[in-house]
Each structure stands twice: as structure tokens, then as C-alpha cells.
Protein backbone atom coordinates (compact mmCIF):
# COMPACT_ATOMS: atom_id res chain seq x y z
CA MET A 1 -3.78 -11.16 18.09
CA GLN A 2 -1.20 -13.57 19.53
CA VAL A 3 2.18 -11.89 20.16
CA PHE A 4 5.50 -13.75 20.16
CA LEU A 5 8.85 -12.63 21.51
CA ILE A 6 11.33 -12.65 18.64
CA ASP A 7 15.06 -12.27 18.06
CA ARG A 8 15.88 -9.75 15.33
CA GLU A 9 18.43 -10.80 12.71
CA GLY A 10 18.80 -7.76 10.51
CA SER A 11 16.16 -5.47 9.06
CA LYS A 12 14.06 -8.15 7.38
CA ASN A 13 14.69 -11.36 9.32
CA ALA A 14 13.93 -12.70 12.78
CA THR A 15 13.66 -15.98 14.67
CA LEU A 16 11.65 -17.62 17.43
CA ASP A 17 13.62 -19.49 20.06
CA ARG A 18 12.83 -23.10 20.97
CA GLU A 19 10.13 -22.31 23.55
CA GLU A 20 8.36 -19.75 21.36
CA THR A 21 8.65 -22.15 18.43
CA ARG A 22 6.96 -24.91 20.44
CA HIS A 23 4.07 -22.61 21.30
CA CYS A 24 3.76 -21.30 17.75
CA LEU A 25 3.97 -24.60 15.86
CA LYS A 26 2.78 -27.27 18.27
CA VAL A 27 0.23 -25.44 20.40
CA LEU A 28 -1.20 -22.92 17.93
CA ARG A 29 -0.57 -25.11 14.87
CA HIS A 30 0.92 -22.40 12.67
CA GLN A 31 2.53 -23.49 9.40
CA VAL A 32 4.94 -22.16 6.78
CA GLY A 33 3.44 -19.10 5.12
CA ASP A 34 1.28 -18.10 8.08
CA GLU A 35 1.48 -14.50 9.25
CA ILE A 36 2.04 -13.86 12.95
CA TRP A 37 2.88 -10.90 15.19
CA GLY A 38 5.98 -10.44 17.30
CA THR A 39 8.22 -7.99 19.13
CA ASP A 40 11.83 -8.04 20.26
CA GLY A 41 10.86 -5.87 23.23
CA LYS A 42 12.66 -2.81 21.90
CA GLY A 43 9.64 -0.70 21.01
CA ALA A 44 8.18 -1.99 17.76
CA MET A 45 5.61 -4.59 16.78
CA HIS A 46 6.24 -6.62 13.62
CA LYS A 47 4.01 -8.47 11.21
CA LEU A 48 5.92 -11.65 10.31
CA ARG A 49 5.73 -14.57 7.91
CA ILE A 50 6.86 -18.06 8.90
CA LEU A 51 9.58 -19.34 6.58
CA ASN A 52 10.20 -22.81 8.03
CA THR A 53 8.94 -25.30 10.62
CA ASP A 54 12.16 -26.31 12.36
CA PHE A 55 11.07 -27.17 15.91
CA GLN A 56 14.36 -25.92 17.33
CA GLN A 57 14.18 -22.44 15.82
CA THR A 58 11.65 -20.82 13.50
CA GLN A 59 12.87 -18.48 10.76
CA LEU A 60 10.70 -15.43 10.10
CA GLU A 61 10.45 -12.71 7.50
CA ILE A 62 9.53 -9.21 8.71
CA ILE A 63 6.70 -7.94 6.51
CA GLU A 64 5.90 -4.66 8.26
CA SER A 65 6.92 -2.86 11.47
CA PHE A 66 4.89 -0.60 13.76
CA PRO A 67 6.99 1.63 16.07
CA ARG A 68 5.74 2.32 19.63
CA PHE A 69 2.91 -0.18 19.19
CA GLY A 70 0.93 -0.49 22.43
CA GLU A 71 3.09 2.08 24.24
CA HIS A 72 2.28 5.45 25.81
CA GLU A 73 4.47 8.54 25.42
CA GLY A 74 5.69 8.85 29.02
CA HIS A 75 7.96 6.86 31.31
CA ILE A 76 6.54 5.27 34.48
CA ILE A 77 8.79 3.93 37.22
CA LEU A 78 7.39 1.70 39.95
CA ALA A 79 9.70 1.46 42.98
CA ALA A 80 8.34 -1.05 45.47
CA SER A 81 9.39 -3.33 48.28
CA PRO A 82 9.35 -7.09 47.62
CA LEU A 83 6.83 -8.93 49.78
CA ARG A 84 6.92 -11.85 52.21
CA LEU A 85 4.62 -13.80 49.92
CA LYS A 86 6.46 -13.97 46.61
CA ASP A 87 3.31 -14.76 44.61
CA ARG A 88 1.85 -11.38 45.64
CA PHE A 89 4.97 -9.55 44.46
CA GLU A 90 4.93 -11.50 41.22
CA TRP A 91 1.27 -10.55 40.75
CA LEU A 92 2.17 -6.89 41.24
CA ILE A 93 4.91 -7.12 38.61
CA GLU A 94 2.66 -8.88 36.11
CA LYS A 95 -0.20 -6.39 36.47
CA SER A 96 2.11 -3.38 36.47
CA VAL A 97 3.41 -4.43 33.04
CA GLU A 98 -0.17 -4.76 31.80
CA LEU A 99 -0.84 -1.23 33.10
CA GLY A 100 2.08 0.27 31.20
CA VAL A 101 4.98 0.46 33.65
CA ASN A 102 8.36 1.09 31.95
CA GLU A 103 10.77 0.47 34.79
CA ILE A 104 10.60 -1.62 37.97
CA GLN A 105 12.84 -0.89 40.94
CA PRO A 106 12.74 -3.39 43.85
CA LEU A 107 13.66 -1.64 47.11
CA HIS A 108 14.83 -2.93 50.47
CA CYS A 109 13.11 -0.68 53.00
CA ALA A 110 13.43 -0.53 56.78
CA ARG A 111 10.38 -2.77 57.22
CA THR A 112 11.08 -5.13 54.32
CA ASP A 113 11.33 -8.70 55.57
CA VAL A 114 14.97 -9.57 54.88
CA TYR A 115 14.50 -13.33 55.00
CA LYS A 116 11.10 -13.83 53.35
CA SER A 117 10.93 -11.03 50.79
CA LYS A 118 13.27 -12.65 48.30
CA PHE A 119 12.59 -13.14 44.61
CA LYS A 120 14.33 -14.70 41.64
CA PRO A 121 15.21 -12.03 39.04
CA GLN A 122 15.08 -14.53 36.18
CA ARG A 123 11.57 -15.61 37.11
CA ILE A 124 10.49 -11.97 37.35
CA LYS A 125 11.97 -11.30 33.90
CA THR A 126 10.00 -14.25 32.51
CA LEU A 127 6.81 -12.85 34.06
CA ILE A 128 7.55 -9.47 32.49
CA GLU A 129 7.99 -11.05 29.05
CA THR A 130 4.76 -13.02 29.37
CA ALA A 131 2.81 -9.94 30.50
CA LEU A 132 4.31 -7.93 27.65
CA LYS A 133 3.01 -10.39 25.07
CA GLN A 134 -0.36 -10.76 26.78
CA SER A 135 -0.96 -7.00 26.87
CA LYS A 136 0.20 -6.47 23.25
CA ARG A 137 3.02 -4.12 24.16
CA SER A 138 6.29 -3.72 22.26
CA GLN A 139 8.69 -2.18 24.82
CA LEU A 140 10.01 -4.60 27.43
CA PRO A 141 10.02 -2.93 30.88
CA GLN A 142 13.37 -2.70 32.62
CA LEU A 143 13.92 -4.66 35.84
CA ASN A 144 16.58 -2.98 37.96
CA PRO A 145 18.71 -4.73 40.61
CA LYS A 146 17.34 -4.54 44.14
CA MET A 147 18.68 -1.55 46.10
CA ASP A 148 18.52 -0.21 49.65
CA PHE A 149 15.96 2.56 49.98
CA SER A 150 18.42 5.03 51.54
CA LYS A 151 20.90 4.60 48.68
CA TRP A 152 18.32 4.69 45.89
CA ILE A 153 16.53 7.79 47.19
CA GLU A 154 19.76 9.79 46.95
CA GLY A 155 19.92 9.27 43.18
CA ASP A 156 18.65 11.58 40.46
CA HIS A 157 14.88 11.22 39.99
CA LEU A 158 13.40 13.37 37.25
CA GLY A 159 9.79 14.28 36.60
CA GLU A 160 6.87 13.92 38.99
CA LYS A 161 7.63 11.87 42.11
CA TYR A 162 5.12 10.40 44.59
CA ILE A 163 5.43 8.23 47.69
CA GLY A 164 2.34 6.44 48.97
CA TRP A 165 1.97 6.84 52.73
CA CYS A 166 -0.86 5.90 55.08
CA GLU A 167 -0.45 9.12 57.08
CA ALA A 168 -0.45 11.45 54.07
CA LYS A 169 -3.23 14.03 53.94
CA GLU A 170 -3.12 14.95 50.26
CA PRO A 171 -4.61 12.38 47.85
CA LEU A 172 -2.83 11.35 44.67
CA GLN A 173 -5.77 12.75 42.72
CA SER A 174 -4.85 16.30 43.75
CA PHE A 175 -1.76 16.07 41.53
CA GLN A 176 -3.71 15.06 38.43
CA GLN A 177 -2.99 18.26 36.50
CA LYS A 178 0.77 18.02 37.09
CA MET A 179 0.82 14.34 36.26
CA THR A 180 -1.02 14.68 32.97
CA LYS A 181 1.64 17.13 31.80
CA SER A 182 4.58 15.07 32.98
CA GLU A 183 6.60 12.81 30.71
CA ARG A 184 8.10 10.91 33.63
CA VAL A 185 6.42 9.69 36.82
CA THR A 186 7.93 7.74 39.71
CA LEU A 187 5.62 5.91 42.12
CA LEU A 188 7.15 4.77 45.41
CA ILE A 189 5.26 2.02 47.26
CA GLY A 190 6.35 0.70 50.65
CA PRO A 191 6.45 -2.71 52.37
CA GLU A 192 4.00 -4.32 54.77
CA GLY A 193 3.93 -1.94 57.73
CA ASP A 194 4.47 1.10 55.48
CA PHE A 195 7.48 3.42 55.33
CA THR A 196 9.10 4.72 58.49
CA GLU A 197 8.91 8.43 59.26
CA GLU A 198 12.63 8.68 58.55
CA GLU A 199 12.11 7.23 55.06
CA ILE A 200 9.25 9.65 54.42
CA GLN A 201 11.52 12.50 55.46
CA GLN A 202 14.30 11.28 53.14
CA ALA A 203 11.85 10.97 50.26
CA THR A 204 10.40 14.42 50.89
CA GLN A 205 13.87 15.94 50.89
CA ALA A 206 14.48 14.19 47.55
CA GLY A 207 11.41 15.89 46.06
CA PHE A 208 8.81 13.14 46.49
CA HIS A 209 5.26 14.16 47.39
CA PRO A 210 3.72 12.03 50.18
CA VAL A 211 0.26 11.04 48.92
CA SER A 212 -2.74 9.18 50.27
CA LEU A 213 -4.10 6.30 48.20
CA GLY A 214 -7.52 6.40 49.83
CA GLU A 215 -9.09 6.10 53.25
CA ASN A 216 -8.74 2.32 53.41
CA ARG A 217 -5.42 0.71 54.23
CA LEU A 218 -4.17 -1.13 51.13
CA ARG A 219 -1.77 -4.01 50.73
CA THR A 220 1.45 -3.14 48.92
CA GLU A 221 0.40 -4.88 45.71
CA THR A 222 -3.03 -3.20 45.78
CA ALA A 223 -1.48 0.21 46.41
CA GLY A 224 0.86 -0.21 43.46
CA ILE A 225 -1.93 -1.22 41.10
CA PHE A 226 -4.15 1.62 42.30
CA ALA A 227 -1.44 4.23 41.70
CA LEU A 228 -0.59 2.86 38.26
CA SER A 229 -4.27 2.79 37.32
CA MET A 230 -4.60 6.45 38.26
CA VAL A 231 -1.69 7.36 35.97
CA LYS A 232 -3.31 5.35 33.18
CA VAL A 233 -6.51 7.35 33.64
CA TYR A 234 -4.69 10.70 33.80
CA TRP A 235 -2.57 9.96 30.72
CA ASN A 236 -5.57 8.50 28.88
CA TYR A 237 -3.82 5.54 27.30
């Protein structure tokens, strides 16, 4: 099942942009009359029929729609520090989408490298779109603007909230029962060098549970994937 990202044009019509058209017609060799699958990233998967072969824009007819296709019932937020090596942060974003994340919040923490931990939002959005199609999901995860940790932590954070910390005594697994009943989970993952004690204190005051992600020290991207995988197991999706 190959999934394309479409633009909706009413209840029964849609289009593929130039890049998606190139992949559909030139790479995969689809023709007029072929049925394909696509999503506009707003929570539904559509069975589509190709109406023309214009290489600038492909016109589509929506045959059938499937709401919430490939999506779980909850809402998962991954708040994480960008990394010095941008390819590692990009890998984290890509895999988090595959694992069902709904919202991504880049955070500037006390130990975030100001000069090297930069990323291009447009590139990240492209990675999110590609991962969405690859994993056969229909709801495009939201990428929030980068924020300072101290400002973000003061906001309203509903549901279950966890902050991974190397010094934490209680493992994430101990919260399995609470997490399986929650409709909203926020996972907070720190930079290289971990969170400072002051940040842990701020997070705790904001209702976050400091949790251990195992006896071994994990890289930021590994910690994020581990935590998301645990939620996937607990929610059974």
C-alpha cells in the first residue's frame, strides 16, 4: 500500500502536487483509472482514482474515506532537545512519527548546544510527511516552534507527564497502569548531558514524574524512541 499526500478539493475531489505527481506517474508508473491511496494529513485515509496524467498536477476522485486510519485514540507529545548532530535529531523525529507521536516540541534546555543544535523546520516538516506516508498514518503530527525549557514548562500540560532523568529511581514501567488509562501523554527528553537539577525541580513542580529509562545511559534519540515504544506497548496499538 503506497500512500500519497494529497490536497483536498471538496468532498469528492483531490489533487497531487508536482512532486507527488512525479513519484506517482513517473516512478510508480500509475495511469488514468488506477486506484491509489492518499491522505491530506487531517485524520482520514482515502481510496482514490486517477482522473488525468498531467505531470504538473494530478486530478483525483475520492472513492471512499476511512477516518482515523492508522491512528491510535490518544495524544502523545514528545518534547525533546535538538542535538549537536542534526542527523540524529532528524532520525528521532522520523522514528517518533512511525511510533505514533502526535505532537513534537523542540526545547532549548540549559545544556542544549546553542550553536550546533540547530535544525531547519521545513526539512523537519518534510521528514514528518515522509514518515507519515511510510507508516500508513493519516494524521500529520504537529511540529511546534522551538521554546526555552523554562517558559514551556510553565504552560498547561494535561494528562500523564514524564521526564526522563538519569538519576531517577522509579522506572517508566511502574506507571504502566496510569498510562494505559490516559488519553494524553507527554514525554520529556533532555539534551546530551541530561537535564540540570533545577530543570528537574521545575518539571516536578509542574507535575512531571522523573523516570528512569533503564540502567544504561542512553543517547537522547535512543531515550526518546525507548519511551515512545513503551507507550506503544502499553496502549497496544
